[in-house]
Amino acid sequence: MVLGLRENARQFALLVLVNAFVGAMVGVERSVLPLLAAERFGIVSSAALFGFIGAFGIAKALANYAAGDLASRAGRRRVLITGWVLALPVPLILMWAPSWGWVVVANVLLGVSQGLAWSMTVIMKIDLVGPARRGLAMGLNEAAGYGAVALAAAGAAFVAAAYGPARAPFLIALVAALLGLAVSVLWVRDTGEHVRLETSLHPAASGDAPAVTTPAGSLARLVHFTIRSRALLGAHQAGLVNNLNDGVAWALLPLLFAAGGLSLREIGLLAALYPATWGISQIAAGALSDRSAARGGRRAWIAGGMIVQAIALAIFGVAQGAMPWTLAAVLLGLGTAAVYPTLLAEVADAVSAADRAPAVGTYRLWRDLGYVVGALAAGWLADRAGMRAAILATAGVTAMSGAVAALLLPSRAMERTPQVRRAS
């Protein structure tokens, strides 16, 4: 057994594929569901529309946290398979939902499924590659996930334009769930032994300090991994705000495009451009952040990425038409790419291998609570002041988060560790 990306290429590639299927599940919703809300269910209130994103966000956030604990207790692979089992009913409910309440229920299931399955692909990839290539590993993981989000969003929009938005687009999600479950059951292997190998060979190398005694009890663990260091605090707030603005983009941008007179296919392409840029760019961003980590930390990538996101949202808030919206979508994708894999790697840098699963779970809890905060605040503001005001307010919050990240995140060089083999 060995730590390393190349040495574990087969299992790593399988986990990349699995995460692509995870991303496809949520991608189907991004271009279709906000428009379907008004057409099929008569939802016109922004606050009511944001309800399905808020339900998704809180379910995913809690599942992320639970996944970190369950990964250590039950094993990574079992948690991954459980996530896929929970995903199977989601597209069926969305196809046949008799009321908007059923859509919210489906999104709760989707959130739990995403929290378990996506968390495991993150943790298992970090387990496989060891300390030196975390940024690249997370770039590849998130590129697969959000690349699939983009493809599924565009595909669902084209299917909806051809066959209607009620049922046909959700067949894409059903196929993704079946394939994801099959790959996870048949070929994915657990990575617990890789964690034990890393811990035994260099217990302090993967974090600022060796593992410390983790408090018993879920609340105590939450507090422990939230305030343990400035690095974790900085990562948590940046992750929360990043998903706050992603939730706003998910719910409001398709409606903004529709109000601007774009066709359903044009809306689908624009809705896909942001996660597509994000997905593709993350591979380079993650790898480059590893070089920065070796020299002085990942802070510049995180703070700078948040500022770029804020600029993109401001363009959405003030501009009109396909051309400036295209530019804004690309900028938003680039800014998110700089932040998303880098924050996961930053959290892994800040703790030991033994603490990795609960620390990543805690970070993902705070990050995905951003969907809930965004759903409540932006939905309320959009109803009272309009979509553009809600988008501009989100831009301001995102810029402030970048400043906070610059203050809290450390400047530190990460120790590089050799890839040491052990007989399997």
Protein backbone atom coordinates (compact mmCIF):
# COMPACT_ATOMS: atom_id res chain seq x y z
CA MET A 1 0.00 0.00 0.00
CA VAL A 2 1.23 3.50 -0.77
CA LEU A 3 0.06 7.09 -0.57
CA GLY A 4 0.04 9.08 -3.78
CA LEU A 5 -2.10 10.11 -6.72
CA ARG A 6 -0.27 8.09 -9.36
CA GLU A 7 0.11 5.07 -7.10
CA ASN A 8 -3.66 4.95 -6.44
CA ALA A 9 -4.73 6.07 -9.91
CA ARG A 10 -7.39 3.38 -10.48
CA GLN A 11 -9.29 3.97 -7.26
CA PHE A 12 -8.85 7.73 -7.60
CA ALA A 13 -10.29 7.62 -11.14
CA LEU A 14 -13.26 5.59 -9.94
CA LEU A 15 -13.97 8.18 -7.24
CA VAL A 16 -13.70 10.96 -9.83
CA LEU A 17 -16.31 9.14 -11.91
CA VAL A 18 -18.56 8.64 -8.89
CA ASN A 19 -18.41 12.33 -8.06
CA ALA A 20 -19.37 13.18 -11.63
CA PHE A 21 -22.56 11.19 -11.10
CA VAL A 22 -23.13 13.02 -7.79
CA GLY A 23 -22.81 16.36 -9.59
CA ALA A 24 -25.17 15.32 -12.37
CA MET A 25 -27.92 14.71 -9.81
CA VAL A 26 -27.99 18.34 -8.71
CA GLY A 27 -27.13 19.76 -12.14
CA VAL A 28 -30.49 18.68 -13.56
CA GLU A 29 -32.23 20.99 -11.09
CA ARG A 30 -30.15 24.09 -11.71
CA SER A 31 -31.62 25.02 -15.08
CA VAL A 32 -35.08 23.44 -14.84
CA LEU A 33 -36.52 23.60 -11.33
CA PRO A 34 -36.68 27.40 -10.79
CA LEU A 35 -38.60 27.76 -14.05
CA LEU A 36 -40.76 24.69 -13.37
CA ALA A 37 -41.75 26.18 -10.01
CA ALA A 38 -43.75 28.93 -11.70
CA GLU A 39 -45.00 26.95 -14.69
CA ARG A 40 -46.14 23.76 -12.94
CA PHE A 41 -46.78 24.80 -9.36
CA GLY A 42 -47.54 28.53 -9.62
CA ILE A 43 -44.71 29.58 -7.29
CA VAL A 44 -44.09 33.32 -7.76
CA SER A 45 -42.65 34.37 -4.39
CA SER A 46 -38.84 34.38 -4.25
CA ALA A 47 -38.95 33.38 -0.59
CA ALA A 48 -41.10 30.35 -1.42
CA LEU A 49 -38.85 29.46 -4.35
CA PHE A 50 -35.77 29.63 -2.15
CA GLY A 51 -37.44 27.14 0.18
CA PHE A 52 -36.33 24.18 -1.89
CA ILE A 53 -32.72 25.42 -1.87
CA GLY A 54 -32.88 26.07 1.88
CA ALA A 55 -34.22 22.55 2.46
CA PHE A 56 -31.46 21.13 0.28
CA GLY A 57 -28.81 23.19 2.06
CA ILE A 58 -29.71 22.33 5.63
CA ALA A 59 -30.13 18.63 4.80
CA LYS A 60 -26.78 18.55 3.01
CA ALA A 61 -25.03 20.53 5.75
CA LEU A 62 -26.20 18.17 8.50
CA ALA A 63 -25.41 15.13 6.36
CA ASN A 64 -21.90 16.49 5.73
CA TYR A 65 -21.31 16.70 9.46
CA ALA A 66 -22.75 13.27 10.11
CA ALA A 67 -20.67 11.85 7.26
CA GLY A 68 -17.44 12.97 8.91
CA ASP A 69 -18.32 11.02 12.06
CA LEU A 70 -19.79 8.01 10.25
CA ALA A 71 -16.74 7.72 8.00
CA SER A 72 -14.56 6.94 11.02
CA ARG A 73 -17.12 4.61 12.62
CA ALA A 74 -18.72 2.70 9.74
CA GLY A 75 -16.15 3.13 6.96
CA ARG A 76 -16.01 5.46 3.99
CA ARG A 77 -17.41 3.03 1.40
CA ARG A 78 -20.52 2.17 3.41
CA VAL A 79 -21.38 5.83 3.84
CA LEU A 80 -20.88 6.42 0.10
CA ILE A 81 -23.24 3.57 -0.81
CA THR A 82 -25.84 4.81 1.68
CA GLY A 83 -25.75 8.20 -0.02
CA TRP A 84 -26.54 6.59 -3.37
CA VAL A 85 -29.39 4.51 -1.99
CA LEU A 86 -31.00 7.71 -0.68
CA ALA A 87 -30.56 9.37 -4.10
CA LEU A 88 -32.60 6.80 -6.04
CA PRO A 89 -36.11 8.09 -5.12
CA VAL A 90 -35.29 11.74 -5.84
CA PRO A 91 -35.80 11.88 -9.64
CA LEU A 92 -38.93 9.73 -9.35
CA ILE A 93 -40.47 12.12 -6.81
CA LEU A 94 -39.59 15.14 -8.97
CA MET A 95 -41.17 13.53 -12.04
CA TRP A 96 -44.46 12.73 -10.31
CA ALA A 97 -44.68 15.35 -7.53
CA PRO A 98 -48.35 16.38 -7.08
CA SER A 99 -47.43 19.57 -5.18
CA TRP A 100 -44.49 21.85 -4.39
CA GLY A 101 -44.20 20.26 -0.95
CA TRP A 102 -43.09 17.02 -2.60
CA VAL A 103 -40.37 18.92 -4.44
CA VAL A 104 -39.09 20.20 -1.10
CA VAL A 105 -39.14 16.63 0.30
CA ALA A 106 -37.19 15.42 -2.73
CA ASN A 107 -34.61 18.14 -2.15
CA VAL A 108 -34.20 17.10 1.47
CA LEU A 109 -33.41 13.58 0.28
CA LEU A 110 -31.09 14.99 -2.38
CA GLY A 111 -29.29 17.08 0.23
CA VAL A 112 -28.71 14.10 2.51
CA SER A 113 -27.55 12.01 -0.42
CA GLN A 114 -25.17 14.72 -1.64
CA GLY A 115 -23.83 15.29 1.86
CA LEU A 116 -22.96 11.63 2.33
CA ALA A 117 -21.77 10.76 -1.18
CA TRP A 118 -19.87 13.95 -2.06
CA SER A 119 -18.24 14.09 1.39
CA MET A 120 -16.96 10.56 0.96
CA THR A 121 -15.45 11.24 -2.46
CA VAL A 122 -13.65 14.23 -0.92
CA ILE A 123 -12.36 12.37 2.14
CA MET A 124 -11.42 9.21 0.24
CA LYS A 125 -9.39 11.12 -2.35
CA ILE A 126 -7.50 13.00 0.38
CA ASP A 127 -6.86 9.63 2.05
CA LEU A 128 -5.36 8.20 -1.14
CA VAL A 129 -3.02 11.00 -2.21
CA GLY A 130 -1.28 11.95 1.04
CA PRO A 131 -0.27 15.46 2.15
CA ALA A 132 1.61 16.74 -0.90
CA ARG A 133 -1.11 16.66 -3.58
CA ARG A 134 -4.28 17.63 -1.73
CA GLY A 135 -5.03 20.71 -3.78
CA LEU A 136 -4.72 18.82 -7.06
CA ALA A 137 -6.82 15.96 -5.69
CA MET A 138 -9.57 18.36 -4.67
CA GLY A 139 -9.32 20.19 -7.98
CA LEU A 140 -9.90 16.94 -9.85
CA ASN A 141 -12.71 15.93 -7.51
CA GLU A 142 -14.57 19.22 -7.72
CA ALA A 143 -13.89 19.53 -11.45
CA ALA A 144 -15.62 16.20 -12.02
CA GLY A 145 -18.53 17.15 -9.79
CA TYR A 146 -19.15 20.62 -11.13
CA GLY A 147 -18.28 19.70 -14.70
CA ALA A 148 -21.10 17.18 -14.43
CA VAL A 149 -23.33 19.86 -12.88
CA ALA A 150 -22.75 21.98 -15.98
CA LEU A 151 -23.32 19.18 -18.47
CA ALA A 152 -26.46 18.00 -16.68
CA ALA A 153 -27.80 21.57 -16.43
CA ALA A 154 -27.33 22.14 -20.17
CA GLY A 155 -28.62 18.68 -21.03
CA ALA A 156 -31.71 19.07 -18.86
CA ALA A 157 -32.50 22.43 -20.49
CA PHE A 158 -32.25 20.96 -23.99
CA VAL A 159 -34.38 17.94 -23.03
CA ALA A 160 -36.92 20.29 -21.42
CA ALA A 161 -37.05 22.41 -24.56
CA ALA A 162 -37.71 19.31 -26.68
CA TYR A 163 -40.01 17.27 -24.43
CA GLY A 164 -41.20 19.65 -21.73
CA PRO A 165 -39.77 20.36 -18.26
CA ALA A 166 -42.13 18.19 -16.21
CA ARG A 167 -40.57 14.71 -16.39
CA ALA A 168 -38.09 14.03 -19.20
CA PRO A 169 -35.14 16.06 -17.76
CA PHE A 170 -35.19 14.08 -14.52
CA LEU A 171 -34.42 10.85 -16.38
CA ILE A 172 -30.84 12.18 -16.54
CA ALA A 173 -30.73 12.22 -12.74
CA LEU A 174 -32.21 8.73 -12.50
CA VAL A 175 -29.55 7.28 -14.81
CA ALA A 176 -26.81 9.08 -12.82
CA ALA A 177 -28.10 7.62 -9.53
CA LEU A 178 -28.21 4.08 -10.90
CA LEU A 179 -24.72 4.30 -12.37
CA GLY A 180 -23.26 5.94 -9.28
CA LEU A 181 -24.63 3.22 -7.03
CA ALA A 182 -23.41 0.47 -9.34
CA VAL A 183 -19.83 1.80 -9.52
CA SER A 184 -19.69 2.36 -5.74
CA VAL A 185 -20.91 -1.16 -4.95
CA LEU A 186 -18.91 -3.06 -7.56
CA TRP A 187 -15.53 -1.34 -7.73
CA VAL A 188 -14.87 1.32 -5.08
CA ARG A 189 -12.77 0.17 -2.11
CA ASP A 190 -12.57 1.65 1.38
CA THR A 191 -9.59 3.91 2.20
CA GLY A 192 -9.37 3.40 5.96
CA GLU A 193 -6.05 1.55 5.60
CA HIS A 194 -4.55 4.55 3.83
CA VAL A 195 -5.45 6.74 6.83
CA ARG A 196 -3.79 4.28 9.20
CA LEU A 197 -0.71 4.18 6.96
CA GLU A 198 -0.39 7.97 6.88
CA THR A 199 -0.91 8.22 10.64
CA SER A 200 1.71 5.58 11.44
CA LEU A 201 4.34 6.92 9.06
CA HIS A 202 4.12 10.66 9.76
CA PRO A 203 1.40 11.49 12.30
CA ALA A 204 2.11 15.24 12.37
CA ALA A 205 2.94 15.81 8.72
CA SER A 206 -0.59 16.35 7.47
CA GLY A 207 -1.48 19.16 9.83
CA ASP A 208 -0.15 21.91 12.07
CA ALA A 209 0.02 19.55 15.04
CA PRO A 210 -0.39 15.88 15.90
CA ALA A 211 -3.87 14.59 16.54
CA VAL A 212 -5.39 15.78 19.78
CA THR A 213 -8.09 14.16 21.83
CA THR A 214 -11.39 14.83 20.08
CA PRO A 215 -14.25 15.61 22.47
CA ALA A 216 -17.09 13.13 22.77
CA GLY A 217 -20.53 14.21 21.62
CA SER A 218 -21.63 15.82 18.38
CA LEU A 219 -21.97 19.36 19.75
CA ALA A 220 -18.57 19.24 21.44
CA ARG A 221 -16.95 18.00 18.24
CA LEU A 222 -18.67 20.75 16.27
CA VAL A 223 -17.33 23.46 18.58
CA HIS A 224 -13.90 21.83 18.68
CA PHE A 225 -13.43 21.72 14.91
CA THR A 226 -15.06 25.11 14.36
CA ILE A 227 -12.90 27.25 16.65
CA ARG A 228 -9.78 25.11 17.00
CA SER A 229 -7.67 27.49 14.89
CA ARG A 230 -7.76 30.72 12.91
CA ALA A 231 -7.28 28.67 9.74
CA LEU A 232 -10.45 26.67 10.35
CA LEU A 233 -12.43 29.80 11.26
CA GLY A 234 -11.27 31.53 8.10
CA ALA A 235 -12.11 28.52 5.96
CA HIS A 236 -15.55 28.06 7.51
CA GLN A 237 -16.72 31.61 6.91
CA ALA A 238 -15.38 31.66 3.35
CA GLY A 239 -17.03 28.34 2.57
CA LEU A 240 -20.36 29.51 3.99
CA VAL A 241 -20.37 32.72 1.94
CA ASN A 242 -19.23 30.87 -1.20
CA ASN A 243 -22.28 28.60 -1.03
CA LEU A 244 -24.51 31.51 -0.06
CA ASN A 245 -23.73 33.16 -3.40
CA ASP A 246 -23.96 29.82 -5.21
CA GLY A 247 -27.49 29.37 -3.84
CA VAL A 248 -28.41 32.86 -5.01
CA ALA A 249 -27.02 32.05 -8.47
CA TRP A 250 -28.94 28.75 -8.52
CA ALA A 251 -32.32 30.32 -7.75
CA LEU A 252 -32.17 33.84 -9.17
CA LEU A 253 -29.98 33.73 -12.27
CA PRO A 254 -32.33 31.57 -14.38
CA LEU A 255 -35.16 33.95 -13.45
CA LEU A 256 -33.00 36.98 -14.26
CA PHE A 257 -32.15 35.48 -17.66
CA ALA A 258 -35.81 34.69 -18.35
CA ALA A 259 -36.82 38.24 -17.44
CA GLY A 260 -34.17 39.43 -19.91
CA GLY A 261 -35.93 37.61 -22.73
CA LEU A 262 -33.58 34.65 -23.17
CA SER A 263 -34.93 31.34 -24.49
CA LEU A 264 -34.93 28.14 -22.42
CA ARG A 265 -31.91 26.81 -24.30
CA GLU A 266 -30.01 30.09 -23.84
CA ILE A 267 -30.86 30.02 -20.13
CA GLY A 268 -29.57 26.45 -19.91
CA LEU A 269 -26.29 27.33 -21.61
CA LEU A 270 -25.71 30.38 -19.39
CA ALA A 271 -26.68 28.41 -16.27
CA ALA A 272 -24.17 25.74 -17.32
CA LEU A 273 -21.33 28.16 -18.18
CA TYR A 274 -20.68 29.14 -14.57
CA PRO A 275 -20.24 25.58 -13.17
CA ALA A 276 -18.44 24.51 -16.37
CA THR A 277 -15.82 27.25 -15.96
CA TRP A 278 -15.64 26.43 -12.26
CA GLY A 279 -15.23 22.71 -12.94
CA ILE A 280 -12.53 22.97 -15.60
CA SER A 281 -10.50 25.65 -13.82
CA GLN A 282 -10.38 23.81 -10.49
CA ILE A 283 -7.79 21.32 -11.70
CA ALA A 284 -5.23 24.05 -12.36
CA ALA A 285 -6.28 26.08 -9.30
CA GLY A 286 -5.93 23.09 -6.98
CA ALA A 287 -2.50 22.17 -8.33
CA LEU A 288 -1.24 25.76 -8.15
CA SER A 289 -2.52 26.10 -4.59
CA ASP A 290 -0.32 23.11 -3.66
CA ARG A 291 2.70 25.09 -4.86
CA SER A 292 1.54 28.10 -2.86
CA ALA A 293 1.03 25.90 0.21
CA ALA A 294 4.61 24.66 -0.04
CA ARG A 295 5.89 28.25 -0.14
CA GLY A 296 3.64 30.18 2.20
CA GLY A 297 0.04 29.01 2.38
CA ARG A 298 -3.16 29.04 0.32
CA ARG A 299 -4.50 32.38 1.62
CA ALA A 300 -4.07 34.40 -1.58
CA TRP A 301 -6.07 31.90 -3.63
CA ILE A 302 -8.97 31.93 -1.18
CA ALA A 303 -9.16 35.68 -0.53
CA GLY A 304 -8.57 36.56 -4.18
CA GLY A 305 -11.15 34.08 -5.40
CA MET A 306 -13.81 35.58 -3.15
CA ILE A 307 -13.09 39.07 -4.52
CA VAL A 308 -13.41 37.82 -8.12
CA GLN A 309 -16.76 36.24 -7.23
CA ALA A 310 -17.94 39.55 -5.79
CA ILE A 311 -17.02 41.39 -9.01
CA ALA A 312 -18.91 38.81 -11.09
CA LEU A 313 -22.04 39.10 -8.96
CA ALA A 314 -21.89 42.88 -9.21
CA ILE A 315 -21.90 42.59 -13.02
CA PHE A 316 -24.97 40.35 -12.86
CA GLY A 317 -26.61 42.93 -10.60
CA VAL A 318 -26.07 45.97 -12.82
CA ALA A 319 -25.72 44.69 -16.40
CA GLN A 320 -28.31 43.55 -18.93
CA GLY A 321 -27.95 41.16 -21.86
CA ALA A 322 -26.28 37.93 -22.86
CA MET A 323 -22.77 39.36 -23.42
CA PRO A 324 -22.14 40.89 -19.97
CA TRP A 325 -23.91 37.95 -18.33
CA THR A 326 -21.57 35.57 -20.17
CA LEU A 327 -18.55 37.50 -18.89
CA ALA A 328 -19.97 37.48 -15.37
CA ALA A 329 -20.63 33.72 -15.52
CA VAL A 330 -17.02 33.06 -16.55
CA LEU A 331 -15.66 35.33 -13.78
CA LEU A 332 -17.92 33.72 -11.19
CA GLY A 333 -16.69 30.30 -12.28
CA LEU A 334 -13.02 31.35 -12.12
CA GLY A 335 -13.44 32.91 -8.68
CA THR A 336 -15.19 29.84 -7.33
CA ALA A 337 -12.56 27.55 -8.86
CA ALA A 338 -9.84 29.43 -6.97
CA VAL A 339 -11.69 28.95 -3.69
CA TYR A 340 -13.52 25.63 -3.71
CA PRO A 341 -10.78 22.96 -3.82
CA THR A 342 -8.35 25.23 -1.99
CA LEU A 343 -10.59 25.54 1.06
CA LEU A 344 -10.88 21.75 1.36
CA ALA A 345 -7.11 21.42 1.09
CA GLU A 346 -6.67 24.22 3.66
CA VAL A 347 -8.83 22.34 6.17
CA ALA A 348 -6.87 19.13 5.57
CA ASP A 349 -3.61 21.06 6.04
CA ALA A 350 -4.80 22.38 9.40
CA VAL A 351 -5.46 19.01 11.09
CA SER A 352 -3.85 15.61 11.43
CA ALA A 353 -4.82 12.56 9.39
CA ALA A 354 -6.71 11.09 12.35
CA ASP A 355 -8.86 14.24 12.61
CA ARG A 356 -9.41 14.64 8.87
CA ALA A 357 -12.87 13.13 8.49
CA PRO A 358 -14.58 15.07 11.31
CA ALA A 359 -12.74 18.29 10.38
CA VAL A 360 -13.80 18.05 6.73
CA GLY A 361 -17.32 17.15 7.83
CA THR A 362 -17.48 20.22 10.08
CA TYR A 363 -16.19 22.48 7.30
CA ARG A 364 -18.74 21.10 4.87
CA LEU A 365 -21.47 21.64 7.46
CA TRP A 366 -20.67 25.35 7.72
CA ARG A 367 -20.11 25.68 3.98
CA ASP A 368 -23.47 24.21 2.98
CA LEU A 369 -25.32 26.19 5.63
CA GLY A 370 -24.57 29.01 3.21
CA TYR A 371 -27.41 27.69 1.06
CA VAL A 372 -29.77 28.15 4.01
CA VAL A 373 -28.55 31.64 4.89
CA GLY A 374 -28.70 32.64 1.23
CA ALA A 375 -32.18 31.18 0.79
CA LEU A 376 -33.58 33.10 3.76
CA ALA A 377 -31.83 36.42 3.20
CA ALA A 378 -31.86 36.63 -0.60
CA GLY A 379 -35.41 35.34 -0.89
CA TRP A 380 -36.66 37.93 1.59
CA LEU A 381 -34.70 40.74 -0.10
CA ALA A 382 -35.70 39.72 -3.64
CA ASP A 383 -39.39 39.87 -2.70
CA ARG A 384 -39.00 43.36 -1.25
CA ALA A 385 -36.36 45.05 -3.37
CA GLY A 386 -36.04 42.89 -6.49
CA MET A 387 -33.67 40.28 -7.85
CA ARG A 388 -30.91 42.73 -8.72
CA ALA A 389 -30.82 44.18 -5.20
CA ALA A 390 -30.49 40.67 -3.76
CA ILE A 391 -27.64 39.87 -6.16
CA LEU A 392 -25.80 43.13 -5.36
CA ALA A 393 -26.17 42.55 -1.62
CA THR A 394 -24.68 39.08 -2.10
CA ALA A 395 -21.76 40.65 -3.97
CA GLY A 396 -21.06 42.93 -0.99
CA VAL A 397 -21.13 40.05 1.50
CA THR A 398 -18.79 38.02 -0.72
CA ALA A 399 -16.26 40.87 -0.89
CA MET A 400 -16.30 41.21 2.91
CA SER A 401 -15.73 37.47 3.27
CA GLY A 402 -12.63 37.74 1.09
CA ALA A 403 -11.26 40.43 3.40
CA VAL A 404 -11.96 38.31 6.48
CA ALA A 405 -10.22 35.33 4.88
CA ALA A 406 -7.14 37.47 4.22
CA LEU A 407 -7.04 38.39 7.91
CA LEU A 408 -7.68 34.96 9.42
CA LEU A 409 -5.98 32.46 7.14
CA PRO A 410 -2.34 31.78 8.00
CA SER A 411 0.73 32.18 5.86
CA ARG A 412 2.57 28.92 6.37
CA ALA A 413 4.64 26.49 4.37
CA MET A 414 3.28 22.96 4.37
CA GLU A 415 5.74 20.20 5.04
CA ARG A 416 6.20 17.92 2.07
CA THR A 417 6.41 14.23 2.94
CA PRO A 418 7.93 11.42 0.93
CA GLN A 419 5.72 8.73 -0.52
CA VAL A 420 6.57 5.71 1.63
CA ARG A 421 5.54 2.20 0.67
CA ARG A 422 4.31 -0.50 3.00
CA ALA A 423 3.42 -4.04 2.13
CA SER A 424 -0.31 -4.47 1.62
